[in-house]
Amino acid sequence: MSISISFGSFGDIVSLVQLAASVISRLASSAGNSERYSELLLELHTLSGALASLQNELHTPRAPSRMPTELRRDIEARIAACRASLEKMERSIVWQQQRLRGRYPKHWRDLWLRAGWRLFAEEELQRYREDARRHRDSVHFALSMLNRESVEDTHRIAVTARSTLDNVSAMAESTRCEVKLVLKNVLEMRKPSPVFLGFPWEGARSYSERPICFVNGYRQKFQVPIDFFMDFRISQMLDNLVNYAMNCALKLWL
């Protein structure tokens, strides 16, 4: 009977592993099985190991965080088919045991120990071996799909983390530049204001070359560049110009 598997349930695959162990135990309890059913027992052992690996893979941090619906349904179908085969095999074994118990209530256990060679017909035994092998390969394929999905999920996480780191680095660089600009502005604000800015009309090329304050006869002040007083000819021309201006003013006044 096919059972719908709840993929997030912890007990589903565990119970399937237990079912495989029960079938193996029932087969091995009959004498002669080590020869007649050795291949079937080996296939069932490997199938049980594959199911245990699948269960571990689904409940480890490596499992994909967002499993595609197609992959989920595929694995559920494989698990359900495996369960149906194992349940059919177990029902056949239990039916054989119950038949012996009904016919020989006192001696059925002894008869069961000697009934291994007639437990299954050769065709039925071959079919069970093929079913066990097919389900083992199916579970191995499901494991490979899970591993691939885990690798792709890890790659996506790595790409996202790299993009986040790049964004953080860019933000840090931008913040560093802004902080440097703010510090530069703060340092500029702490400097004393210059007396002049270096324009020619200010009469000075540097802080030490301040202009000379000149006052005329009308008490008008003029900022005269110091360069005018560094050359005697220029100074003489300036003095003559001032005297001429004052004389003209006196004539107009008188």
C-alpha atoms as a PDB file:
ATOM      1  CA  MET A   1       0.000   0.000   0.000  1.00  0.00           C
ATOM      2  CA  SER A   2       1.392   3.314  -1.016  1.00  0.00           C
ATOM      3  CA  ILE A   3       1.604   5.820   1.827  1.00  0.00           C
ATOM      4  CA  SER A   4       1.781   9.542   1.276  1.00  0.00           C
ATOM      5  CA  ILE A   5       5.036  10.774   2.729  1.00  0.00           C
ATOM      6  CA  SER A   6       5.115  14.030   4.623  1.00  0.00           C
ATOM      7  CA  PHE A   7       8.493  15.309   3.571  1.00  0.00           C
ATOM      8  CA  GLY A   8       9.205  17.218   6.745  1.00  0.00           C
ATOM      9  CA  SER A   9       8.270  14.343   9.024  1.00  0.00           C
ATOM     10  CA  PHE A  10      11.174  12.694  10.825  1.00  0.00           C
ATOM     11  CA  GLY A  11       9.457   9.344  11.310  1.00  0.00           C
ATOM     12  CA  ASP A  12       8.545   8.464   7.712  1.00  0.00           C
ATOM     13  CA  ILE A  13      11.934   7.390   6.415  1.00  0.00           C
ATOM     14  CA  VAL A  14      12.936   6.063   9.831  1.00  0.00           C
ATOM     15  CA  SER A  15       9.942   3.721   9.809  1.00  0.00           C
ATOM     16  CA  LEU A  16      10.898   2.663   6.280  1.00  0.00           C
ATOM     17  CA  VAL A  17      14.411   1.776   7.460  1.00  0.00           C
ATOM     18  CA  GLN A  18      12.855  -0.197  10.315  1.00  0.00           C
ATOM     19  CA  LEU A  19      10.607  -2.008   7.830  1.00  0.00           C
ATOM     20  CA  ALA A  20      13.640  -3.021   5.749  1.00  0.00           C
ATOM     21  CA  ALA A  21      15.378  -4.275   8.897  1.00  0.00           C
ATOM     22  CA  SER A  22      12.286  -6.312   9.800  1.00  0.00           C
ATOM     23  CA  VAL A  23      12.201  -7.973   6.360  1.00  0.00           C
ATOM     24  CA  ILE A  24      15.909  -8.797   6.597  1.00  0.00           C
ATOM     25  CA  SER A  25      15.466 -10.241  10.069  1.00  0.00           C
ATOM     26  CA  ARG A  26      12.534 -12.456   9.005  1.00  0.00           C
ATOM     27  CA  LEU A  27      14.395 -13.750   5.958  1.00  0.00           C
ATOM     28  CA  ALA A  28      17.551 -14.450   7.926  1.00  0.00           C
ATOM     29  CA  SER A  29      15.655 -16.349  10.642  1.00  0.00           C
ATOM     30  CA  SER A  30      15.086 -19.329   8.341  1.00  0.00           C
ATOM     31  CA  ALA A  31      17.782 -21.988   7.858  1.00  0.00           C
ATOM     32  CA  GLY A  32      19.519 -22.113   4.524  1.00  0.00           C
ATOM     33  CA  ASN A  33      18.919 -18.457   3.741  1.00  0.00           C
ATOM     34  CA  SER A  34      22.624 -17.632   3.733  1.00  0.00           C
ATOM     35  CA  GLU A  35      22.947 -19.650   0.507  1.00  0.00           C
ATOM     36  CA  ARG A  36      19.579 -19.417  -1.245  1.00  0.00           C
ATOM     37  CA  TYR A  37      18.767 -15.808  -0.376  1.00  0.00           C
ATOM     38  CA  SER A  38      22.260 -14.316  -0.077  1.00  0.00           C
ATOM     39  CA  GLU A  39      21.797 -11.965  -3.026  1.00  0.00           C
ATOM     40  CA  LEU A  40      18.386 -10.809  -1.828  1.00  0.00           C
ATOM     41  CA  LEU A  41      19.688 -10.198   1.692  1.00  0.00           C
ATOM     42  CA  LEU A  42      22.660  -8.270   0.296  1.00  0.00           C
ATOM     43  CA  GLU A  43      20.405  -6.097  -1.847  1.00  0.00           C
ATOM     44  CA  LEU A  44      18.129  -5.435   1.108  1.00  0.00           C
ATOM     45  CA  HIS A  45      21.115  -4.483   3.287  1.00  0.00           C
ATOM     46  CA  THR A  46      22.360  -1.976   0.725  1.00  0.00           C
ATOM     47  CA  LEU A  47      18.831  -0.625   0.284  1.00  0.00           C
ATOM     48  CA  SER A  48      18.519  -0.140   4.036  1.00  0.00           C
ATOM     49  CA  GLY A  49      21.851   1.705   4.103  1.00  0.00           C
ATOM     50  CA  ALA A  50      20.774   3.948   1.223  1.00  0.00           C
ATOM     51  CA  LEU A  51      17.521   4.803   3.015  1.00  0.00           C
ATOM     52  CA  ALA A  52      19.440   5.669   6.187  1.00  0.00           C
ATOM     53  CA  SER A  53      21.746   7.928   4.159  1.00  0.00           C
ATOM     54  CA  LEU A  54      18.733   9.628   2.578  1.00  0.00           C
ATOM     55  CA  GLN A  55      17.179  10.209   5.971  1.00  0.00           C
ATOM     56  CA  ASN A  56      20.426  11.729   7.290  1.00  0.00           C
ATOM     57  CA  GLU A  57      20.791  13.940   4.217  1.00  0.00           C
ATOM     58  CA  LEU A  58      17.276  15.322   4.628  1.00  0.00           C
ATOM     59  CA  HIS A  59      17.873  16.282   8.251  1.00  0.00           C
ATOM     60  CA  THR A  60      21.323  17.853   8.118  1.00  0.00           C
ATOM     61  CA  PRO A  61      22.327  21.513   7.646  1.00  0.00           C
ATOM     62  CA  ARG A  62      23.508  20.570   4.142  1.00  0.00           C
ATOM     63  CA  ALA A  63      19.926  19.927   3.008  1.00  0.00           C
ATOM     64  CA  PRO A  64      18.682  22.574   0.557  1.00  0.00           C
ATOM     65  CA  SER A  65      16.788  25.346   2.291  1.00  0.00           C
ATOM     66  CA  ARG A  66      14.196  25.729  -0.483  1.00  0.00           C
ATOM     67  CA  MET A  67      13.585  22.415  -2.206  1.00  0.00           C
ATOM     68  CA  PRO A  68      11.897  22.591  -5.634  1.00  0.00           C
ATOM     69  CA  THR A  69       8.422  21.091  -5.785  1.00  0.00           C
ATOM     70  CA  GLU A  70       9.420  18.726  -8.601  1.00  0.00           C
ATOM     71  CA  LEU A  71      12.318  17.316  -6.588  1.00  0.00           C
ATOM     72  CA  ARG A  72      10.164  16.952  -3.484  1.00  0.00           C
ATOM     73  CA  ARG A  73       7.482  15.006  -5.346  1.00  0.00           C
ATOM     74  CA  ASP A  74      10.047  12.816  -7.108  1.00  0.00           C
ATOM     75  CA  ILE A  75      11.688  11.765  -3.847  1.00  0.00           C
ATOM     76  CA  GLU A  76       8.309  11.204  -2.195  1.00  0.00           C
ATOM     77  CA  ALA A  77       7.290   8.913  -5.084  1.00  0.00           C
ATOM     78  CA  ARG A  78      10.520   6.921  -4.831  1.00  0.00           C
ATOM     79  CA  ILE A  79      10.107   6.467  -1.085  1.00  0.00           C
ATOM     80  CA  ALA A  80       6.457   5.444  -1.453  1.00  0.00           C
ATOM     81  CA  ALA A  81       7.306   2.858  -4.146  1.00  0.00           C
ATOM     82  CA  CYS A  82      10.054   1.407  -1.978  1.00  0.00           C
ATOM     83  CA  ARG A  83       7.719   1.171   0.989  1.00  0.00           C
ATOM     84  CA  ALA A  84       5.075  -0.612  -1.093  1.00  0.00           C
ATOM     85  CA  SER A  85       7.576  -3.282  -2.231  1.00  0.00           C
ATOM     86  CA  LEU A  86       8.950  -3.878   1.263  1.00  0.00           C
ATOM     87  CA  GLU A  87       5.451  -4.130   2.735  1.00  0.00           C
ATOM     88  CA  LYS A  88       4.457  -6.638   0.061  1.00  0.00           C
ATOM     89  CA  MET A  89       7.538  -8.721   0.800  1.00  0.00           C
ATOM     90  CA  GLU A  90       6.900  -8.618   4.538  1.00  0.00           C
ATOM     91  CA  ARG A  91       3.235  -9.603   4.094  1.00  0.00           C
ATOM     92  CA  SER A  92       4.316 -12.640   2.086  1.00  0.00           C
ATOM     93  CA  ILE A  93       6.759 -13.730   4.803  1.00  0.00           C
ATOM     94  CA  VAL A  94       4.235 -13.135   7.606  1.00  0.00           C
ATOM     95  CA  TRP A  95       1.603 -15.098   5.676  1.00  0.00           C
ATOM     96  CA  GLN A  96       3.996 -18.052   5.423  1.00  0.00           C
ATOM     97  CA  GLN A  97       4.640 -17.898   9.167  1.00  0.00           C
ATOM     98  CA  GLN A  98       0.934 -17.664  10.013  1.00  0.00           C
ATOM     99  CA  ARG A  99       0.145 -20.616   7.741  1.00  0.00           C
ATOM    100  CA  LEU A 100       2.712 -22.775   9.540  1.00  0.00           C
ATOM    101  CA  ARG A 101       1.448 -21.598  12.904  1.00  0.00           C
ATOM    102  CA  GLY A 102      -2.125 -22.493  11.956  1.00  0.00           C
ATOM    103  CA  ARG A 103      -1.227 -25.977  10.765  1.00  0.00           C
ATOM    104  CA  TYR A 104       1.372 -26.811  13.369  1.00  0.00           C
ATOM    105  CA  PRO A 105       0.745 -24.728  16.497  1.00  0.00           C
ATOM    106  CA  LYS A 106       3.375 -26.545  18.578  1.00  0.00           C
ATOM    107  CA  HIS A 107       6.119 -27.117  16.049  1.00  0.00           C
ATOM    108  CA  TRP A 108       5.775 -24.191  13.638  1.00  0.00           C
ATOM    109  CA  ARG A 109       8.973 -22.509  14.848  1.00  0.00           C
ATOM    110  CA  ASP A 110      11.049 -25.592  14.123  1.00  0.00           C
ATOM    111  CA  LEU A 111       9.371 -25.958  10.760  1.00  0.00           C
ATOM    112  CA  TRP A 112      10.025 -22.319   9.992  1.00  0.00           C
ATOM    113  CA  LEU A 113      13.728 -22.766  10.634  1.00  0.00           C
ATOM    114  CA  ARG A 114      13.751 -25.492   7.963  1.00  0.00           C
ATOM    115  CA  ALA A 115      11.363 -23.775   5.530  1.00  0.00           C
ATOM    116  CA  GLY A 116      13.752 -21.249   4.064  1.00  0.00           C
ATOM    117  CA  TRP A 117      14.333 -23.166   0.867  1.00  0.00           C
ATOM    118  CA  ARG A 118      10.577 -23.165   0.102  1.00  0.00           C
ATOM    119  CA  LEU A 119       9.725 -19.686   1.296  1.00  0.00           C
ATOM    120  CA  PHE A 120       9.591 -18.221  -2.228  1.00  0.00           C
ATOM    121  CA  ALA A 121       9.433 -19.668  -5.676  1.00  0.00           C
ATOM    122  CA  GLU A 122      12.467 -19.003  -7.856  1.00  0.00           C
ATOM    123  CA  GLU A 123      10.575 -16.535 -10.043  1.00  0.00           C
ATOM    124  CA  GLU A 124       9.251 -14.666  -7.025  1.00  0.00           C
ATOM    125  CA  LEU A 125      12.679 -14.589  -5.413  1.00  0.00           C
ATOM    126  CA  GLN A 126      14.181 -13.172  -8.599  1.00  0.00           C
ATOM    127  CA  ARG A 127      11.492 -10.490  -8.732  1.00  0.00           C
ATOM    128  CA  TYR A 128      12.180  -9.454  -5.140  1.00  0.00           C
ATOM    129  CA  ARG A 129      15.905  -9.211  -5.853  1.00  0.00           C
ATOM    130  CA  GLU A 130      15.240  -7.009  -8.865  1.00  0.00           C
ATOM    131  CA  ASP A 131      12.834  -4.836  -6.874  1.00  0.00           C
ATOM    132  CA  ALA A 132      15.359  -4.370  -4.069  1.00  0.00           C
ATOM    133  CA  ARG A 133      18.108  -3.491  -6.565  1.00  0.00           C
ATOM    134  CA  ARG A 134      15.855  -1.078  -8.418  1.00  0.00           C
ATOM    135  CA  HIS A 135      14.791   0.716  -5.242  1.00  0.00           C
ATOM    136  CA  ARG A 136      18.405   0.890  -4.070  1.00  0.00           C
ATOM    137  CA  ASP A 137      19.415   2.591  -7.323  1.00  0.00           C
ATOM    138  CA  SER A 138      16.380   4.866  -7.069  1.00  0.00           C
ATOM    139  CA  VAL A 139      17.339   6.009  -3.568  1.00  0.00           C
ATOM    140  CA  HIS A 140      20.944   6.557  -4.685  1.00  0.00           C
ATOM    141  CA  PHE A 141      19.660   8.740  -7.512  1.00  0.00           C
ATOM    142  CA  ALA A 142      17.542  10.736  -5.047  1.00  0.00           C
ATOM    143  CA  LEU A 143      20.669  11.243  -2.935  1.00  0.00           C
ATOM    144  CA  SER A 144      22.583  12.536  -5.941  1.00  0.00           C
ATOM    145  CA  MET A 145      19.775  14.997  -6.750  1.00  0.00           C
ATOM    146  CA  LEU A 146      19.757  16.203  -3.158  1.00  0.00           C
ATOM    147  CA  ASN A 147      23.522  16.668  -3.206  1.00  0.00           C
ATOM    148  CA  ARG A 148      23.330  18.626  -6.446  1.00  0.00           C
ATOM    149  CA  GLU A 149      20.585  20.833  -5.046  1.00  0.00           C
ATOM    150  CA  SER A 150      22.655  21.395  -1.897  1.00  0.00           C
ATOM    151  CA  VAL A 151      25.655  22.416  -3.988  1.00  0.00           C
ATOM    152  CA  GLU A 152      23.541  24.834  -6.031  1.00  0.00           C
ATOM    153  CA  ASP A 153      22.003  26.231  -2.851  1.00  0.00           C
ATOM    154  CA  THR A 154      25.472  26.715  -1.357  1.00  0.00           C
ATOM    155  CA  HIS A 155      26.579  28.455  -4.551  1.00  0.00           C
ATOM    156  CA  ARG A 156      23.608  30.816  -4.393  1.00  0.00           C
ATOM    157  CA  ILE A 157      24.390  31.647  -0.773  1.00  0.00           C
ATOM    158  CA  ALA A 158      28.040  32.279  -1.654  1.00  0.00           C
ATOM    159  CA  VAL A 159      27.081  34.592  -4.530  1.00  0.00           C
ATOM    160  CA  THR A 160      24.658  36.507  -2.301  1.00  0.00           C
ATOM    161  CA  ALA A 161      27.283  36.801   0.438  1.00  0.00           C
ATOM    162  CA  ARG A 162      29.855  38.050  -2.081  1.00  0.00           C
ATOM    163  CA  SER A 163      27.419  40.665  -3.377  1.00  0.00           C
ATOM    164  CA  THR A 164      26.662  41.754   0.181  1.00  0.00           C
ATOM    165  CA  LEU A 165      30.369  42.051   0.983  1.00  0.00           C
ATOM    166  CA  ASP A 166      30.918  44.132  -2.146  1.00  0.00           C
ATOM    167  CA  ASN A 167      28.073  46.450  -1.147  1.00  0.00           C
ATOM    168  CA  VAL A 168      29.433  46.766   2.385  1.00  0.00           C
ATOM    169  CA  SER A 169      32.901  47.521   1.014  1.00  0.00           C
ATOM    170  CA  ALA A 170      31.518  50.200  -1.310  1.00  0.00           C
ATOM    171  CA  MET A 171      29.517  51.754   1.529  1.00  0.00           C
ATOM    172  CA  ALA A 172      32.587  51.726   3.786  1.00  0.00           C
ATOM    173  CA  GLU A 173      34.681  53.433   1.097  1.00  0.00           C
ATOM    174  CA  SER A 174      31.995  56.056   0.533  1.00  0.00           C
ATOM    175  CA  THR A 175      31.716  56.665   4.275  1.00  0.00           C
ATOM    176  CA  ARG A 176      35.496  56.974   4.566  1.00  0.00           C
ATOM    177  CA  CYS A 177      35.585  59.622   1.832  1.00  0.00           C
ATOM    178  CA  GLU A 178      32.745  61.547   3.474  1.00  0.00           C
ATOM    179  CA  VAL A 179      34.496  61.426   6.856  1.00  0.00           C
ATOM    180  CA  LYS A 180      37.720  62.708   5.292  1.00  0.00           C
ATOM    181  CA  LEU A 181      35.814  65.583   3.690  1.00  0.00           C
ATOM    182  CA  VAL A 182      34.137  66.468   6.986  1.00  0.00           C
ATOM    183  CA  LEU A 183      37.466  66.385   8.837  1.00  0.00           C
ATOM    184  CA  LYS A 184      39.037  68.581   6.179  1.00  0.00           C
ATOM    185  CA  ASN A 185      36.227  71.116   6.541  1.00  0.00           C
ATOM    186  CA  VAL A 186      36.598  71.069  10.316  1.00  0.00           C
ATOM    187  CA  LEU A 187      40.344  71.666  10.061  1.00  0.00           C
ATOM    188  CA  GLU A 188      39.773  74.523   7.628  1.00  0.00           C
ATOM    189  CA  MET A 189      37.327  76.102  10.056  1.00  0.00           C
ATOM    190  CA  ARG A 190      39.957  76.041  12.811  1.00  0.00           C
ATOM    191  CA  LYS A 191      42.449  78.126  10.747  1.00  0.00           C
ATOM    192  CA  PRO A 192      42.537  81.927  11.405  1.00  0.00           C
ATOM    193  CA  SER A 193      40.895  84.092   8.777  1.00  0.00           C
ATOM    194  CA  PRO A 194      43.485  85.823   6.550  1.00  0.00           C
ATOM    195  CA  VAL A 195      43.729  89.600   6.417  1.00  0.00           C
ATOM    196  CA  PHE A 196      43.644  89.329   2.651  1.00  0.00           C
ATOM    197  CA  LEU A 197      42.986  86.709   0.049  1.00  0.00           C
ATOM    198  CA  GLY A 198      45.923  87.418  -2.269  1.00  0.00           C
ATOM    199  CA  PHE A 199      44.193  89.531  -4.910  1.00  0.00           C
ATOM    200  CA  PRO A 200      46.346  92.270  -6.536  1.00  0.00           C
ATOM    201  CA  TRP A 201      43.960  95.033  -5.521  1.00  0.00           C
ATOM    202  CA  GLU A 202      44.530  94.128  -1.866  1.00  0.00           C
ATOM    203  CA  GLY A 203      48.139  95.319  -2.135  1.00  0.00           C
ATOM    204  CA  ALA A 204      49.799  92.209  -0.743  1.00  0.00           C
ATOM    205  CA  ARG A 205      51.039  88.857  -2.059  1.00  0.00           C
ATOM    206  CA  SER A 206      51.485  87.236   1.345  1.00  0.00           C
ATOM    207  CA  TYR A 207      50.528  87.646   4.970  1.00  0.00           C
ATOM    208  CA  SER A 208      53.653  89.738   5.724  1.00  0.00           C
ATOM    209  CA  GLU A 209      53.015  92.203   2.877  1.00  0.00           C
ATOM    210  CA  ARG A 210      50.168  94.171   4.307  1.00  0.00           C
ATOM    211  CA  PRO A 211      49.010  97.329   2.504  1.00  0.00           C
ATOM    212  CA  ILE A 212      49.901 100.793   3.855  1.00  0.00           C
ATOM    213  CA  CYS A 213      47.076 102.997   5.016  1.00  0.00           C
ATOM    214  CA  PHE A 214      47.371 106.455   3.392  1.00  0.00           C
ATOM    215  CA  VAL A 215      45.269 109.437   4.640  1.00  0.00           C
ATOM    216  CA  ASN A 216      44.806 112.509   2.465  1.00  0.00           C
ATOM    217  CA  GLY A 217      44.032 116.046   3.496  1.00  0.00           C
ATOM    218  CA  TYR A 218      40.342 115.329   3.664  1.00  0.00           C
ATOM    219  CA  ARG A 219      40.972 112.496   6.090  1.00  0.00           C
ATOM    220  CA  GLN A 220      40.134 109.948   3.437  1.00  0.00           C
ATOM    221  CA  LYS A 221      41.900 106.614   3.862  1.00  0.00           C
ATOM    222  CA  PHE A 222      43.401 104.603   1.037  1.00  0.00           C
ATOM    223  CA  GLN A 223      44.993 101.175   1.124  1.00  0.00           C
ATOM    224  CA  VAL A 224      48.153 101.600  -0.903  1.00  0.00           C
ATOM    225  CA  PRO A 225      50.185  98.540  -1.897  1.00  0.00           C
ATOM    226  CA  ILE A 226      53.567  98.382  -0.235  1.00  0.00           C
ATOM    227  CA  ASP A 227      55.160  97.861  -3.635  1.00  0.00           C
ATOM    228  CA  PHE A 228      54.593 101.553  -4.369  1.00  0.00           C
ATOM    229  CA  PHE A 229      57.029 102.441  -1.563  1.00  0.00           C
ATOM    230  CA  MET A 230      59.724  99.952  -2.477  1.00  0.00           C
ATOM    231  CA  ASP A 231      60.840 101.987  -5.547  1.00  0.00           C
ATOM    232  CA  PHE A 232      61.976 105.614  -4.999  1.00  0.00           C
ATOM    233  CA  ARG A 233      60.696 106.815  -8.350  1.00  0.00           C
ATOM    234  CA  ILE A 234      57.236 105.439  -7.750  1.00  0.00           C
ATOM    235  CA  SER A 235      57.231 106.907  -4.252  1.00  0.00           C
ATOM    236  CA  GLN A 236      58.283 110.325  -5.624  1.00  0.00           C
ATOM    237  CA  MET A 237      55.581 110.222  -8.288  1.00  0.00           C
ATOM    238  CA  LEU A 238      53.005 109.330  -5.664  1.00  0.00           C
ATOM    239  CA  ASP A 239      54.158 112.215  -3.427  1.00  0.00           C
ATOM    240  CA  ASN A 240      53.955 114.686  -6.326  1.00  0.00           C
ATOM    241  CA  LEU A 241      50.500 113.435  -7.212  1.00  0.00           C
ATOM    242  CA  VAL A 242      49.302 113.900  -3.641  1.00  0.00           C
ATOM    243  CA  ASN A 243      50.755 117.408  -3.412  1.00  0.00           C
ATOM    244  CA  TYR A 244      49.149 118.374  -6.711  1.00  0.00           C
ATOM    245  CA  ALA A 245      45.809 117.091  -5.534  1.00  0.00           C
ATOM    246  CA  MET A 246      46.075 119.040  -2.270  1.00  0.00           C
ATOM    247  CA  ASN A 247      47.044 122.278  -4.042  1.00  0.00           C
ATOM    248  CA  CYS A 248      44.113 121.953  -6.393  1.00  0.00           C
ATOM    249  CA  ALA A 249      41.840 121.427  -3.471  1.00  0.00           C
ATOM    250  CA  LEU A 250      43.161 124.515  -1.655  1.00  0.00           C
ATOM    251  CA  LYS A 251      42.655 126.693  -4.719  1.00  0.00           C
ATOM    252  CA  LEU A 252      39.105 125.542  -5.009  1.00  0.00           C
ATOM    253  CA  TRP A 253      38.582 126.168  -1.311  1.00  0.00           C
ATOM    254  CA  LEU A 254      39.943 129.680  -1.439  1.00  0.00           C
END
